[in-house]
């Protein structure tokens, strides 16, 4: 499964974190083309099971589901 974010505009932006050497900041589309140096991912949006590469997803994957709607 893949979550489709293509209608949201630029989803492949990637930049070095200005205060965290070795850390990258990127949009959801970067998951499809992660640089080899990336060994962990923290995502703030919903991802499909096919979007997070196996080399960073398992076995240490932790999922936290934020509330994404107003109704209880």
PDB file of N, CA and C in Angstrom:
ATOM      1  N   UNK A   1       0.836  -1.183   0.000  1.00  0.00           N
ATOM      2  CA  UNK A   1       0.000   0.000   0.000  1.00  0.00           C
ATOM      3  C   UNK A   1       0.882   1.248   0.000  1.00  0.00           C
ATOM      4  N   UNK A   2       0.415   2.261  -0.695  1.00  0.00           N
ATOM      5  CA  UNK A   2       1.116   3.537  -0.752  1.00  0.00           C
ATOM      6  C   UNK A   2       0.118   4.655  -0.471  1.00  0.00           C
ATOM      7  N   UNK A   3       0.502   5.591   0.354  1.00  0.00           N
ATOM      8  CA  UNK A   3      -0.314   6.786   0.576  1.00  0.00           C
ATOM      9  C   UNK A   3       0.046   7.777  -0.531  1.00  0.00           C
ATOM     10  N   UNK A   4      -0.957   8.304  -1.218  1.00  0.00           N
ATOM     11  CA  UNK A   4      -0.721   9.198  -2.346  1.00  0.00           C
ATOM     12  C   UNK A   4      -0.734  10.660  -1.890  1.00  0.00           C
ATOM     13  N   UNK A   5       0.417  11.287  -1.983  1.00  0.00           N
ATOM     14  CA  UNK A   5       0.546  12.697  -1.623  1.00  0.00           C
ATOM     15  C   UNK A   5       0.851  13.565  -2.840  1.00  0.00           C
ATOM     16  N   UNK A   6       0.709  13.021  -4.047  1.00  0.00           N
ATOM     17  CA  UNK A   6       1.093  13.738  -5.258  1.00  0.00           C
ATOM     18  C   UNK A   6       0.308  15.039  -5.471  1.00  0.00           C
ATOM     19  N   UNK A   7      -0.894  15.130  -4.979  1.00  0.00           N
ATOM     20  CA  UNK A   7      -1.684  16.358  -5.170  1.00  0.00           C
ATOM     21  C   UNK A   7      -1.262  17.499  -4.231  1.00  0.00           C
ATOM     22  N   UNK A   8      -0.317  17.238  -3.350  1.00  0.00           N
ATOM     23  CA  UNK A   8       0.115  18.250  -2.390  1.00  0.00           C
ATOM     24  C   UNK A   8       1.284  19.098  -2.881  1.00  0.00           C
ATOM     25  N   UNK A   9       1.675  18.946  -4.129  1.00  0.00           N
ATOM     26  CA  UNK A   9       2.770  19.753  -4.666  1.00  0.00           C
ATOM     27  C   UNK A   9       4.111  19.066  -4.495  1.00  0.00           C
ATOM     28  N   UNK A  10       5.128  19.843  -4.173  1.00  0.00           N
ATOM     29  CA  UNK A  10       6.497  19.349  -4.056  1.00  0.00           C
ATOM     30  C   UNK A  10       6.613  18.363  -2.890  1.00  0.00           C
ATOM     31  N   UNK A  11       6.842  17.100  -3.206  1.00  0.00           N
ATOM     32  CA  UNK A  11       6.941  16.083  -2.149  1.00  0.00           C
ATOM     33  C   UNK A  11       8.307  15.402  -2.147  1.00  0.00           C
ATOM     34  N   UNK A  12       9.256  15.934  -2.902  1.00  0.00           N
ATOM     35  CA  UNK A  12      10.580  15.322  -2.957  1.00  0.00           C
ATOM     36  C   UNK A  12      11.690  16.257  -2.491  1.00  0.00           C
ATOM     37  N   UNK A  13      11.337  17.268  -1.723  1.00  0.00           N
ATOM     38  CA  UNK A  13      12.342  18.191  -1.189  1.00  0.00           C
ATOM     39  C   UNK A  13      13.194  17.478  -0.140  1.00  0.00           C
ATOM     40  N   UNK A  14      14.500  17.749  -0.170  1.00  0.00           N
ATOM     41  CA  UNK A  14      15.425  17.160   0.797  1.00  0.00           C
ATOM     42  C   UNK A  14      16.510  18.180   1.096  1.00  0.00           C
ATOM     43  N   UNK A  15      16.794  18.389   2.377  1.00  0.00           N
ATOM     44  CA  UNK A  15      17.810  19.369   2.770  1.00  0.00           C
ATOM     45  C   UNK A  15      18.506  18.910   4.043  1.00  0.00           C
ATOM     46  N   UNK A  16      19.727  19.354   4.234  1.00  0.00           N
ATOM     47  CA  UNK A  16      20.458  19.090   5.480  1.00  0.00           C
ATOM     48  C   UNK A  16      19.852  19.956   6.589  1.00  0.00           C
ATOM     49  N   UNK A  17      19.741  19.385   7.776  1.00  0.00           N
ATOM     50  CA  UNK A  17      19.227  20.132   8.928  1.00  0.00           C
ATOM     51  C   UNK A  17      20.257  21.188   9.305  1.00  0.00           C
ATOM     52  N   UNK A  18      19.848  22.452   9.466  1.00  0.00           N
ATOM     53  CA  UNK A  18      20.820  23.516   9.755  1.00  0.00           C
ATOM     54  C   UNK A  18      21.502  23.393  11.111  1.00  0.00           C
ATOM     55  N   UNK A  19      20.875  22.714  12.069  1.00  0.00           N
ATOM     56  CA  UNK A  19      21.453  22.611  13.407  1.00  0.00           C
ATOM     57  C   UNK A  19      21.872  21.186  13.776  1.00  0.00           C
ATOM     58  N   UNK A  20      21.569  20.236  12.929  1.00  0.00           N
ATOM     59  CA  UNK A  20      21.884  18.838  13.238  1.00  0.00           C
ATOM     60  C   UNK A  20      22.763  18.219  12.177  1.00  0.00           C
ATOM     61  N   UNK A  21      24.064  18.280  12.358  1.00  0.00           N
ATOM     62  CA  UNK A  21      24.957  17.671  11.373  1.00  0.00           C
ATOM     63  C   UNK A  21      24.607  16.191  11.177  1.00  0.00           C
ATOM     64  N   UNK A  22      24.528  15.768   9.955  1.00  0.00           N
ATOM     65  CA  UNK A  22      24.203  14.380   9.682  1.00  0.00           C
ATOM     66  C   UNK A  22      22.722  14.089   9.621  1.00  0.00           C
ATOM     67  N   UNK A  23      21.886  15.088   9.893  1.00  0.00           N
ATOM     68  CA  UNK A  23      20.438  14.886   9.839  1.00  0.00           C
ATOM     69  C   UNK A  23      19.890  15.532   8.578  1.00  0.00           C
ATOM     70  N   UNK A  24      18.909  14.865   7.987  1.00  0.00           N
ATOM     71  CA  UNK A  24      18.266  15.375   6.784  1.00  0.00           C
ATOM     72  C   UNK A  24      16.797  15.647   7.074  1.00  0.00           C
ATOM     73  N   UNK A  25      16.240  16.626   6.408  1.00  0.00           N
ATOM     74  CA  UNK A  25      14.811  16.930   6.486  1.00  0.00           C
ATOM     75  C   UNK A  25      14.254  16.735   5.085  1.00  0.00           C
ATOM     76  N   UNK A  26      13.155  16.025   4.977  1.00  0.00           N
ATOM     77  CA  UNK A  26      12.621  15.785   3.647  1.00  0.00           C
ATOM     78  C   UNK A  26      11.125  15.591   3.651  1.00  0.00           C
ATOM     79  N   UNK A  27      10.554  15.775   2.470  1.00  0.00           N
ATOM     80  CA  UNK A  27       9.133  15.545   2.265  1.00  0.00           C
ATOM     81  C   UNK A  27       8.883  14.052   2.030  1.00  0.00           C
ATOM     82  N   UNK A  28       7.644  13.643   2.071  1.00  0.00           N
ATOM     83  CA  UNK A  28       7.281  12.229   2.008  1.00  0.00           C
ATOM     84  C   UNK A  28       7.784  11.536   0.741  1.00  0.00           C
ATOM     85  N   UNK A  29       7.898  12.237  -0.359  1.00  0.00           N
ATOM     86  CA  UNK A  29       8.363  11.630  -1.594  1.00  0.00           C
ATOM     87  C   UNK A  29       9.806  11.167  -1.540  1.00  0.00           C
ATOM     88  N   UNK A  30      10.565  11.683  -0.608  1.00  0.00           N
ATOM     89  CA  UNK A  30      11.979  11.298  -0.462  1.00  0.00           C
ATOM     90  C   UNK A  30      12.104   9.840  -0.024  1.00  0.00           C
ATOM     91  N   UNK A  31      11.063   9.300   0.598  1.00  0.00           N
ATOM     92  CA  UNK A  31      11.119   7.898   1.028  1.00  0.00           C
ATOM     93  C   UNK A  31      11.392   6.961  -0.145  1.00  0.00           C
ATOM     94  N   UNK A  32      10.989   7.355  -1.340  1.00  0.00           N
ATOM     95  CA  UNK A  32      11.207   6.515  -2.519  1.00  0.00           C
ATOM     96  C   UNK A  32      12.635   6.572  -3.034  1.00  0.00           C
ATOM     97  N   UNK A  33      13.385   7.579  -2.624  1.00  0.00           N
ATOM     98  CA  UNK A  33      14.753   7.762  -3.139  1.00  0.00           C
ATOM     99  C   UNK A  33      15.720   8.137  -2.012  1.00  0.00           C
ATOM    100  N   UNK A  34      15.618   7.460  -0.891  1.00  0.00           N
ATOM    101  CA  UNK A  34      16.474   7.773   0.253  1.00  0.00           C
ATOM    102  C   UNK A  34      17.946   7.595  -0.079  1.00  0.00           C
ATOM    103  N   UNK A  35      18.779   8.565   0.302  1.00  0.00           N
ATOM    104  CA  UNK A  35      20.221   8.383   0.136  1.00  0.00           C
ATOM    105  C   UNK A  35      20.692   7.176   0.954  1.00  0.00           C
ATOM    106  N   UNK A  36      21.727   6.506   0.492  1.00  0.00           N
ATOM    107  CA  UNK A  36      22.244   5.305   1.158  1.00  0.00           C
ATOM    108  C   UNK A  36      22.650   5.563   2.601  1.00  0.00           C
ATOM    109  N   UNK A  37      23.046   6.789   2.922  1.00  0.00           N
ATOM    110  CA  UNK A  37      23.503   7.114   4.275  1.00  0.00           C
ATOM    111  C   UNK A  37      22.374   7.132   5.305  1.00  0.00           C
ATOM    112  N   UNK A  38      21.129   7.157   4.871  1.00  0.00           N
ATOM    113  CA  UNK A  38      19.991   7.233   5.794  1.00  0.00           C
ATOM    114  C   UNK A  38      19.752   5.867   6.409  1.00  0.00           C
ATOM    115  N   UNK A  39      19.732   5.838   7.758  1.00  0.00           N
ATOM    116  CA  UNK A  39      19.507   4.568   8.450  1.00  0.00           C
ATOM    117  C   UNK A  39      18.331   4.619   9.416  1.00  0.00           C
ATOM    118  N   UNK A  40      17.615   5.746   9.433  1.00  0.00           N
ATOM    119  CA  UNK A  40      16.428   5.883  10.273  1.00  0.00           C
ATOM    120  C   UNK A  40      15.527   6.940   9.669  1.00  0.00           C
ATOM    121  N   UNK A  41      14.228   6.791   9.911  1.00  0.00           N
ATOM    122  CA  UNK A  41      13.244   7.741   9.389  1.00  0.00           C
ATOM    123  C   UNK A  41      12.243   8.052  10.489  1.00  0.00           C
ATOM    124  N   UNK A  42      11.919   9.315  10.649  1.00  0.00           N
ATOM    125  CA  UNK A  42      10.829   9.743  11.522  1.00  0.00           C
ATOM    126  C   UNK A  42       9.859  10.502  10.635  1.00  0.00           C
ATOM    127  N   UNK A  43       8.653  10.009  10.526  1.00  0.00           N
ATOM    128  CA  UNK A  43       7.670  10.622   9.641  1.00  0.00           C
ATOM    129  C   UNK A  43       6.523  11.195  10.451  1.00  0.00           C
ATOM    130  N   UNK A  44       6.053  12.359  10.038  1.00  0.00           N
ATOM    131  CA  UNK A  44       4.922  12.992  10.708  1.00  0.00           C
ATOM    132  C   UNK A  44       3.651  12.880   9.879  1.00  0.00           C
ATOM    133  N   UNK A  45       3.682  12.057   8.851  1.00  0.00           N
ATOM    134  CA  UNK A  45       2.488  11.834   8.048  1.00  0.00           C
ATOM    135  C   UNK A  45       2.280  10.333   7.880  1.00  0.00           C
ATOM    136  N   UNK A  46       1.110   9.972   7.449  1.00  0.00           N
ATOM    137  CA  UNK A  46       0.777   8.572   7.241  1.00  0.00           C
ATOM    138  C   UNK A  46       1.536   8.035   6.028  1.00  0.00           C
ATOM    139  N   UNK A  47       2.133   6.874   6.171  1.00  0.00           N
ATOM    140  CA  UNK A  47       2.877   6.246   5.089  1.00  0.00           C
ATOM    141  C   UNK A  47       2.287   4.874   4.800  1.00  0.00           C
ATOM    142  N   UNK A  48       2.341   4.485   3.529  1.00  0.00           N
ATOM    143  CA  UNK A  48       1.922   3.147   3.160  1.00  0.00           C
ATOM    144  C   UNK A  48       3.010   2.148   3.507  1.00  0.00           C
ATOM    145  N   UNK A  49       2.659   0.903   3.630  1.00  0.00           N
ATOM    146  CA  UNK A  49       3.616  -0.139   4.001  1.00  0.00           C
ATOM    147  C   UNK A  49       4.729  -0.306   2.975  1.00  0.00           C
ATOM    148  N   UNK A  50       4.515   0.123   1.744  1.00  0.00           N
ATOM    149  CA  UNK A  50       5.532   0.013   0.696  1.00  0.00           C
ATOM    150  C   UNK A  50       6.394   1.267   0.580  1.00  0.00           C
ATOM    151  N   UNK A  51       6.163   2.272   1.397  1.00  0.00           N
ATOM    152  CA  UNK A  51       6.878   3.536   1.257  1.00  0.00           C
ATOM    153  C   UNK A  51       8.126   3.648   2.116  1.00  0.00           C
ATOM    154  N   UNK A  52       8.208   2.936   3.190  1.00  0.00           N
ATOM    155  CA  UNK A  52       9.391   3.005   4.038  1.00  0.00           C
ATOM    156  C   UNK A  52      10.286   1.823   3.684  1.00  0.00           C
ATOM    157  N   UNK A  53      11.487   2.091   3.173  1.00  0.00           N
ATOM    158  CA  UNK A  53      12.374   1.004   2.766  1.00  0.00           C
ATOM    159  C   UNK A  53      12.666   0.035   3.916  1.00  0.00           C
ATOM    160  N   UNK A  54      12.771  -1.241   3.594  1.00  0.00           N
ATOM    161  CA  UNK A  54      13.005  -2.277   4.609  1.00  0.00           C
ATOM    162  C   UNK A  54      14.265  -2.019   5.414  1.00  0.00           C
ATOM    163  N   UNK A  55      15.285  -1.411   4.814  1.00  0.00           N
ATOM    164  CA  UNK A  55      16.548  -1.201   5.535  1.00  0.00           C
ATOM    165  C   UNK A  55      16.416  -0.218   6.686  1.00  0.00           C
ATOM    166  N   UNK A  56      15.360   0.596   6.703  1.00  0.00           N
ATOM    167  CA  UNK A  56      15.163   1.513   7.832  1.00  0.00           C
ATOM    168  C   UNK A  56      13.898   1.193   8.620  1.00  0.00           C
ATOM    169  N   UNK A  57      13.073   0.271   8.154  1.00  0.00           N
ATOM    170  CA  UNK A  57      11.793  -0.009   8.810  1.00  0.00           C
ATOM    171  C   UNK A  57      11.863  -1.120   9.844  1.00  0.00           C
ATOM    172  N   UNK A  58      12.662  -2.106   9.627  1.00  0.00           N
ATOM    173  CA  UNK A  58      12.641  -3.255  10.522  1.00  0.00           C
ATOM    174  C   UNK A  58      14.068  -3.580  10.938  1.00  0.00           C
ATOM    175  N   UNK A  59      14.294  -4.182  12.064  1.00  0.00           N
ATOM    176  CA  UNK A  59      13.322  -4.681  13.022  1.00  0.00           C
ATOM    177  C   UNK A  59      12.948  -3.677  14.110  1.00  0.00           C
ATOM    178  N   UNK A  60      13.501  -2.481  14.056  1.00  0.00           N
ATOM    179  CA  UNK A  60      13.305  -1.516  15.141  1.00  0.00           C
ATOM    180  C   UNK A  60      12.208  -0.499  14.868  1.00  0.00           C
ATOM    181  N   UNK A  61      11.210  -0.874  14.103  1.00  0.00           N
ATOM    182  CA  UNK A  61      10.156   0.062  13.747  1.00  0.00           C
ATOM    183  C   UNK A  61       9.227   0.310  14.919  1.00  0.00           C
ATOM    184  N   UNK A  62       8.942   1.584  15.147  1.00  0.00           N
ATOM    185  CA  UNK A  62       7.994   1.988  16.174  1.00  0.00           C
ATOM    186  C   UNK A  62       6.977   2.896  15.505  1.00  0.00           C
ATOM    187  N   UNK A  63       5.705   2.597  15.679  1.00  0.00           N
ATOM    188  CA  UNK A  63       4.664   3.430  15.091  1.00  0.00           C
ATOM    189  C   UNK A  63       3.888   4.124  16.192  1.00  0.00           C
ATOM    190  N   UNK A  64       3.709   5.408  16.024  1.00  0.00           N
ATOM    191  CA  UNK A  64       2.897   6.204  16.934  1.00  0.00           C
ATOM    192  C   UNK A  64       1.873   6.904  16.066  1.00  0.00           C
ATOM    193  N   UNK A  65       0.619   6.727  16.359  1.00  0.00           N
ATOM    194  CA  UNK A  65      -0.434   7.294  15.534  1.00  0.00           C
ATOM    195  C   UNK A  65      -1.003   8.547  16.185  1.00  0.00           C
ATOM    196  N   UNK A  66      -0.648   9.723  15.665  1.00  0.00           N
ATOM    197  CA  UNK A  66      -1.225  10.955  16.215  1.00  0.00           C
ATOM    198  C   UNK A  66      -2.702  11.056  15.846  1.00  0.00           C
ATOM    199  N   UNK A  67      -3.429  11.804  16.609  1.00  0.00           N
ATOM    200  CA  UNK A  67      -4.833  12.027  16.315  1.00  0.00           C
ATOM    201  C   UNK A  67      -4.920  12.888  15.071  1.00  0.00           C
ATOM    202  N   UNK A  68      -5.596  12.396  14.037  1.00  0.00           N
ATOM    203  CA  UNK A  68      -5.660  13.145  12.792  1.00  0.00           C
ATOM    204  C   UNK A  68      -7.087  13.551  12.414  1.00  0.00           C
ATOM    205  N   UNK A  69      -7.942  13.631  13.417  1.00  0.00           N
ATOM    206  CA  UNK A  69      -9.296  14.139  13.187  1.00  0.00           C
ATOM    207  C   UNK A  69      -9.799  14.761  14.474  1.00  0.00           C
ATOM    208  N   UNK A  70     -10.741  15.647  14.347  1.00  0.00           N
ATOM    209  CA  UNK A  70     -11.244  16.367  15.519  1.00  0.00           C
ATOM    210  C   UNK A  70     -12.238  15.552  16.332  1.00  0.00           C
ATOM    211  N   UNK A  71     -13.052  14.725  15.657  1.00  0.00           N
ATOM    212  CA  UNK A  71     -14.065  13.957  16.359  1.00  0.00           C
ATOM    213  C   UNK A  71     -13.398  12.823  17.154  1.00  0.00           C
ATOM    214  N   UNK A  72     -13.892  12.544  18.362  1.00  0.00           N
ATOM    215  CA  UNK A  72     -13.309  11.461  19.170  1.00  0.00           C
ATOM    216  C   UNK A  72     -13.528  10.096  18.529  1.00  0.00           C
TER     217      UNK A  72
END
